[in-house]
């Protein structure tokens, strides 16, 4: 059964074999976990996010139309879930949880300039607002390239566009983001 295509596995699941979803999870867990770790560094929370993504995938499996690769559909669903997670948690994020080593925290505290911290925090907030204003066709590749660290080749495959078209979108997105940031500041 492991040699089945994604479409065949999905058909099997939709026909009532719920156990076949394990094949989807086994096949795509590394991809989803890599995606989730770009949004959440805490391993326990990352595992929980990955679990939520697979649960959402299972619940929406009948919505997959086969117009794109299943991996692209799953990745988009996962990325959107991570965006929502990041948006919800950006307000509640506590910087201290990022640092588990007390000695490292003390060193940071000794060099910490509250004014610089406030400036960086405000810049980050403005950047998020400006990214949300961008058209999805340029915002999505920007996030995949710079936030998730994906290569142009991987992004072009994911979005179904050529590498040259993707580079144009990224360039346009950077230019539009810069213009928006200049207006905000």
C-alpha atoms as a PDB file:
ATOM      1  CA  UNK A   1       0.000   0.000   0.000  1.00  0.00           C
ATOM      2  CA  UNK A   2       3.006   2.301   0.491  1.00  0.00           C
ATOM      3  CA  UNK A   3       3.616   2.347  -3.287  1.00  0.00           C
ATOM      4  CA  UNK A   4       0.256   4.019  -3.916  1.00  0.00           C
ATOM      5  CA  UNK A   5       0.133   7.548  -5.272  1.00  0.00           C
ATOM      6  CA  UNK A   6      -1.227  10.331  -3.098  1.00  0.00           C
ATOM      7  CA  UNK A   7      -4.417  10.392  -5.150  1.00  0.00           C
ATOM      8  CA  UNK A   8      -4.923   6.647  -4.679  1.00  0.00           C
ATOM      9  CA  UNK A   9      -4.351   6.932  -0.934  1.00  0.00           C
ATOM     10  CA  UNK A  10      -6.802   9.835  -0.703  1.00  0.00           C
ATOM     11  CA  UNK A  11      -9.417   7.854  -2.624  1.00  0.00           C
ATOM     12  CA  UNK A  12      -8.883   4.930  -0.212  1.00  0.00           C
ATOM     13  CA  UNK A  13      -9.333   7.220   2.794  1.00  0.00           C
ATOM     14  CA  UNK A  14     -12.457   8.823   1.353  1.00  0.00           C
ATOM     15  CA  UNK A  15     -13.841   5.341   0.652  1.00  0.00           C
ATOM     16  CA  UNK A  16     -13.706   4.652   4.387  1.00  0.00           C
ATOM     17  CA  UNK A  17     -10.224   3.315   5.128  1.00  0.00           C
ATOM     18  CA  UNK A  18      -9.239   5.833   7.796  1.00  0.00           C
ATOM     19  CA  UNK A  19      -6.070   3.898   8.615  1.00  0.00           C
ATOM     20  CA  UNK A  20      -4.672   4.819   5.191  1.00  0.00           C
ATOM     21  CA  UNK A  21      -4.239   8.386   6.434  1.00  0.00           C
ATOM     22  CA  UNK A  22      -1.196   7.081   8.347  1.00  0.00           C
ATOM     23  CA  UNK A  23       0.511   6.746   4.946  1.00  0.00           C
ATOM     24  CA  UNK A  24      -0.093  10.442   4.241  1.00  0.00           C
ATOM     25  CA  UNK A  25       1.250  11.364   7.664  1.00  0.00           C
ATOM     26  CA  UNK A  26       4.335   9.174   7.280  1.00  0.00           C
ATOM     27  CA  UNK A  27       5.011  10.497   3.789  1.00  0.00           C
ATOM     28  CA  UNK A  28       4.634  14.197   4.637  1.00  0.00           C
ATOM     29  CA  UNK A  29       5.576  14.481   8.312  1.00  0.00           C
ATOM     30  CA  UNK A  30       9.147  15.660   7.529  1.00  0.00           C
ATOM     31  CA  UNK A  31       7.890  18.403   5.187  1.00  0.00           C
ATOM     32  CA  UNK A  32       5.230  19.609   7.642  1.00  0.00           C
ATOM     33  CA  UNK A  33       7.557  19.461  10.628  1.00  0.00           C
ATOM     34  CA  UNK A  34      10.187  21.497   8.752  1.00  0.00           C
ATOM     35  CA  UNK A  35       7.530  24.081   7.888  1.00  0.00           C
ATOM     36  CA  UNK A  36       6.232  24.242  11.452  1.00  0.00           C
ATOM     37  CA  UNK A  37       9.727  24.627  12.919  1.00  0.00           C
ATOM     38  CA  UNK A  38      10.203  27.791  10.868  1.00  0.00           C
ATOM     39  CA  UNK A  39       7.325  29.295  12.873  1.00  0.00           C
ATOM     40  CA  UNK A  40       7.755  27.631  16.260  1.00  0.00           C
ATOM     41  CA  UNK A  41      11.132  26.749  17.758  1.00  0.00           C
ATOM     42  CA  UNK A  42       9.738  24.906  20.789  1.00  0.00           C
ATOM     43  CA  UNK A  43       9.665  21.240  19.773  1.00  0.00           C
ATOM     44  CA  UNK A  44       6.578  20.345  21.811  1.00  0.00           C
ATOM     45  CA  UNK A  45       4.578  23.226  20.354  1.00  0.00           C
ATOM     46  CA  UNK A  46       5.893  22.414  16.872  1.00  0.00           C
ATOM     47  CA  UNK A  47       4.680  18.822  17.222  1.00  0.00           C
ATOM     48  CA  UNK A  48       1.290  20.095  18.369  1.00  0.00           C
ATOM     49  CA  UNK A  49       1.077  22.432  15.370  1.00  0.00           C
ATOM     50  CA  UNK A  50       2.010  19.592  13.010  1.00  0.00           C
ATOM     51  CA  UNK A  51      -0.691  17.424  14.608  1.00  0.00           C
ATOM     52  CA  UNK A  52      -3.251  20.233  14.137  1.00  0.00           C
ATOM     53  CA  UNK A  53      -2.260  20.539  10.475  1.00  0.00           C
ATOM     54  CA  UNK A  54      -2.719  16.817   9.867  1.00  0.00           C
ATOM     55  CA  UNK A  55      -6.064  16.885  11.689  1.00  0.00           C
ATOM     56  CA  UNK A  56      -7.191  19.810   9.521  1.00  0.00           C
ATOM     57  CA  UNK A  57      -5.930  17.944   6.448  1.00  0.00           C
ATOM     58  CA  UNK A  58      -7.954  14.869   7.362  1.00  0.00           C
ATOM     59  CA  UNK A  59     -11.073  16.956   7.980  1.00  0.00           C
ATOM     60  CA  UNK A  60     -10.703  18.751   4.629  1.00  0.00           C
ATOM     61  CA  UNK A  61      -9.440  15.873   2.523  1.00  0.00           C
ATOM     62  CA  UNK A  62     -12.654  15.830   0.502  1.00  0.00           C
ATOM     63  CA  UNK A  63     -11.863  19.411  -0.574  1.00  0.00           C
ATOM     64  CA  UNK A  64      -8.714  18.317  -2.424  1.00  0.00           C
ATOM     65  CA  UNK A  65      -9.654  18.485  -6.114  1.00  0.00           C
ATOM     66  CA  UNK A  66      -6.434  17.206  -7.643  1.00  0.00           C
ATOM     67  CA  UNK A  67      -5.859  20.421  -9.589  1.00  0.00           C
ATOM     68  CA  UNK A  68      -2.378  20.635  -8.063  1.00  0.00           C
ATOM     69  CA  UNK A  69      -0.051  18.184  -6.412  1.00  0.00           C
ATOM     70  CA  UNK A  70      -1.338  16.965  -3.061  1.00  0.00           C
ATOM     71  CA  UNK A  71       1.968  18.028  -1.505  1.00  0.00           C
ATOM     72  CA  UNK A  72       1.350  21.608  -2.702  1.00  0.00           C
ATOM     73  CA  UNK A  73      -2.188  21.590  -1.339  1.00  0.00           C
ATOM     74  CA  UNK A  74      -1.022  20.173   1.993  1.00  0.00           C
ATOM     75  CA  UNK A  75       1.857  22.638   2.220  1.00  0.00           C
ATOM     76  CA  UNK A  76      -0.467  25.577   1.542  1.00  0.00           C
ATOM     77  CA  UNK A  77      -2.904  24.354   4.164  1.00  0.00           C
ATOM     78  CA  UNK A  78      -0.033  23.967   6.638  1.00  0.00           C
ATOM     79  CA  UNK A  79       1.475  27.337   5.826  1.00  0.00           C
ATOM     80  CA  UNK A  80      -1.874  29.076   6.284  1.00  0.00           C
ATOM     81  CA  UNK A  81      -2.338  27.320   9.621  1.00  0.00           C
ATOM     82  CA  UNK A  82       1.131  28.502  10.675  1.00  0.00           C
ATOM     83  CA  UNK A  83       0.354  32.072   9.550  1.00  0.00           C
ATOM     84  CA  UNK A  84      -2.770  32.027  11.709  1.00  0.00           C
ATOM     85  CA  UNK A  85      -0.798  30.597  14.620  1.00  0.00           C
ATOM     86  CA  UNK A  86       1.924  33.235  14.264  1.00  0.00           C
ATOM     87  CA  UNK A  87      -0.623  36.036  14.018  1.00  0.00           C
ATOM     88  CA  UNK A  88      -2.479  34.876  17.155  1.00  0.00           C
ATOM     89  CA  UNK A  89       0.686  34.346  19.148  1.00  0.00           C
ATOM     90  CA  UNK A  90       2.591  37.451  18.107  1.00  0.00           C
ATOM     91  CA  UNK A  91       0.686  39.490  20.675  1.00  0.00           C
ATOM     92  CA  UNK A  92       1.271  36.998  23.477  1.00  0.00           C
ATOM     93  CA  UNK A  93       4.842  36.097  22.657  1.00  0.00           C
ATOM     94  CA  UNK A  94       7.177  36.335  25.607  1.00  0.00           C
ATOM     95  CA  UNK A  95      10.825  36.860  24.668  1.00  0.00           C
ATOM     96  CA  UNK A  96      12.009  35.147  27.843  1.00  0.00           C
ATOM     97  CA  UNK A  97      10.675  31.793  26.629  1.00  0.00           C
ATOM     98  CA  UNK A  98      13.130  31.988  23.736  1.00  0.00           C
ATOM     99  CA  UNK A  99      16.033  31.693  26.139  1.00  0.00           C
ATOM    100  CA  UNK A 100      16.301  28.623  28.317  1.00  0.00           C
ATOM    101  CA  UNK A 101      19.810  29.263  29.588  1.00  0.00           C
ATOM    102  CA  UNK A 102      19.846  31.718  32.519  1.00  0.00           C
ATOM    103  CA  UNK A 103      23.478  32.731  31.943  1.00  0.00           C
ATOM    104  CA  UNK A 104      22.706  33.623  28.352  1.00  0.00           C
ATOM    105  CA  UNK A 105      19.706  35.628  29.539  1.00  0.00           C
ATOM    106  CA  UNK A 106      21.892  37.564  31.985  1.00  0.00           C
ATOM    107  CA  UNK A 107      24.388  38.409  29.237  1.00  0.00           C
ATOM    108  CA  UNK A 108      21.598  39.684  27.046  1.00  0.00           C
ATOM    109  CA  UNK A 109      20.130  41.661  29.919  1.00  0.00           C
ATOM    110  CA  UNK A 110      23.496  43.342  30.554  1.00  0.00           C
ATOM    111  CA  UNK A 111      23.679  44.546  26.935  1.00  0.00           C
ATOM    112  CA  UNK A 112      19.969  45.269  26.531  1.00  0.00           C
ATOM    113  CA  UNK A 113      18.983  48.768  25.516  1.00  0.00           C
ATOM    114  CA  UNK A 114      15.230  49.270  26.113  1.00  0.00           C
ATOM    115  CA  UNK A 115      15.019  51.977  23.460  1.00  0.00           C
ATOM    116  CA  UNK A 116      16.567  49.712  20.813  1.00  0.00           C
ATOM    117  CA  UNK A 117      14.231  46.923  21.887  1.00  0.00           C
ATOM    118  CA  UNK A 118      11.199  49.165  21.456  1.00  0.00           C
ATOM    119  CA  UNK A 119      12.419  50.324  18.042  1.00  0.00           C
ATOM    120  CA  UNK A 120      13.001  46.734  16.896  1.00  0.00           C
ATOM    121  CA  UNK A 121       9.597  45.664  18.200  1.00  0.00           C
ATOM    122  CA  UNK A 122       7.837  48.529  16.426  1.00  0.00           C
ATOM    123  CA  UNK A 123       9.731  47.829  13.191  1.00  0.00           C
ATOM    124  CA  UNK A 124       8.725  44.169  13.385  1.00  0.00           C
ATOM    125  CA  UNK A 125       5.081  45.134  13.945  1.00  0.00           C
ATOM    126  CA  UNK A 126       5.157  47.548  10.987  1.00  0.00           C
ATOM    127  CA  UNK A 127       6.760  44.904   8.792  1.00  0.00           C
ATOM    128  CA  UNK A 128       3.954  42.469   9.642  1.00  0.00           C
ATOM    129  CA  UNK A 129       1.289  45.073   8.848  1.00  0.00           C
ATOM    130  CA  UNK A 130       2.939  45.889   5.515  1.00  0.00           C
ATOM    131  CA  UNK A 131       3.278  42.208   4.582  1.00  0.00           C
ATOM    132  CA  UNK A 132      -0.446  41.742   5.155  1.00  0.00           C
ATOM    133  CA  UNK A 133      -1.147  44.631   2.747  1.00  0.00           C
ATOM    134  CA  UNK A 134       0.780  43.010  -0.097  1.00  0.00           C
ATOM    135  CA  UNK A 135      -1.006  41.066  -2.797  1.00  0.00           C
ATOM    136  CA  UNK A 136      -0.858  37.329  -2.058  1.00  0.00           C
ATOM    137  CA  UNK A 137       0.966  36.633  -5.341  1.00  0.00           C
ATOM    138  CA  UNK A 138       4.005  38.563  -4.093  1.00  0.00           C
ATOM    139  CA  UNK A 139       3.608  38.141  -0.316  1.00  0.00           C
ATOM    140  CA  UNK A 140       3.501  34.350  -0.410  1.00  0.00           C
ATOM    141  CA  UNK A 141       6.804  33.889  -2.296  1.00  0.00           C
ATOM    142  CA  UNK A 142       8.457  36.530  -0.083  1.00  0.00           C
ATOM    143  CA  UNK A 143       7.459  34.675   3.077  1.00  0.00           C
ATOM    144  CA  UNK A 144       8.520  31.325   1.649  1.00  0.00           C
ATOM    145  CA  UNK A 145      11.896  32.705   0.584  1.00  0.00           C
ATOM    146  CA  UNK A 146      12.848  34.818   3.573  1.00  0.00           C
ATOM    147  CA  UNK A 147      10.867  33.484   6.508  1.00  0.00           C
ATOM    148  CA  UNK A 148      10.873  29.805   5.667  1.00  0.00           C
ATOM    149  CA  UNK A 149      14.281  29.856   3.938  1.00  0.00           C
ATOM    150  CA  UNK A 150      13.094  27.908   0.905  1.00  0.00           C
ATOM    151  CA  UNK A 151      15.108  27.845  -2.314  1.00  0.00           C
ATOM    152  CA  UNK A 152      13.749  29.416  -5.497  1.00  0.00           C
ATOM    153  CA  UNK A 153      13.506  25.937  -7.014  1.00  0.00           C
ATOM    154  CA  UNK A 154      11.420  24.587  -4.124  1.00  0.00           C
ATOM    155  CA  UNK A 155       9.132  27.627  -4.142  1.00  0.00           C
ATOM    156  CA  UNK A 156       8.637  27.481  -7.917  1.00  0.00           C
ATOM    157  CA  UNK A 157       7.683  23.819  -7.644  1.00  0.00           C
ATOM    158  CA  UNK A 158       5.357  24.561  -4.719  1.00  0.00           C
ATOM    159  CA  UNK A 159       3.593  27.443  -6.464  1.00  0.00           C
ATOM    160  CA  UNK A 160       3.689  25.940  -9.942  1.00  0.00           C
ATOM    161  CA  UNK A 161       5.554  28.830 -11.582  1.00  0.00           C
ATOM    162  CA  UNK A 162       8.915  29.050 -13.319  1.00  0.00           C
ATOM    163  CA  UNK A 163      11.968  30.135 -11.349  1.00  0.00           C
ATOM    164  CA  UNK A 164      12.291  33.275 -13.476  1.00  0.00           C
ATOM    165  CA  UNK A 165       8.634  34.229 -12.866  1.00  0.00           C
ATOM    166  CA  UNK A 166       9.162  33.573  -9.175  1.00  0.00           C
ATOM    167  CA  UNK A 167      12.234  35.819  -9.056  1.00  0.00           C
ATOM    168  CA  UNK A 168      10.173  38.590 -10.657  1.00  0.00           C
ATOM    169  CA  UNK A 169       7.485  38.142  -7.986  1.00  0.00           C
ATOM    170  CA  UNK A 170      10.042  38.205  -5.177  1.00  0.00           C
ATOM    171  CA  UNK A 171      11.714  41.304  -6.629  1.00  0.00           C
ATOM    172  CA  UNK A 172       8.343  43.026  -7.053  1.00  0.00           C
ATOM    173  CA  UNK A 173       7.326  42.009  -3.537  1.00  0.00           C
ATOM    174  CA  UNK A 174      10.526  43.394  -2.030  1.00  0.00           C
ATOM    175  CA  UNK A 175      10.055  46.659  -3.912  1.00  0.00           C
ATOM    176  CA  UNK A 176       6.402  46.989  -2.843  1.00  0.00           C
ATOM    177  CA  UNK A 177       7.272  46.083   0.749  1.00  0.00           C
ATOM    178  CA  UNK A 178      10.025  48.698   0.793  1.00  0.00           C
ATOM    179  CA  UNK A 179       7.611  51.347  -0.519  1.00  0.00           C
ATOM    180  CA  UNK A 180       5.012  50.445   2.107  1.00  0.00           C
ATOM    181  CA  UNK A 181       7.609  50.507   4.888  1.00  0.00           C
ATOM    182  CA  UNK A 182       8.809  53.953   3.768  1.00  0.00           C
ATOM    183  CA  UNK A 183       5.238  55.270   3.938  1.00  0.00           C
ATOM    184  CA  UNK A 184       4.726  53.844   7.431  1.00  0.00           C
ATOM    185  CA  UNK A 185       7.965  55.232   8.857  1.00  0.00           C
END
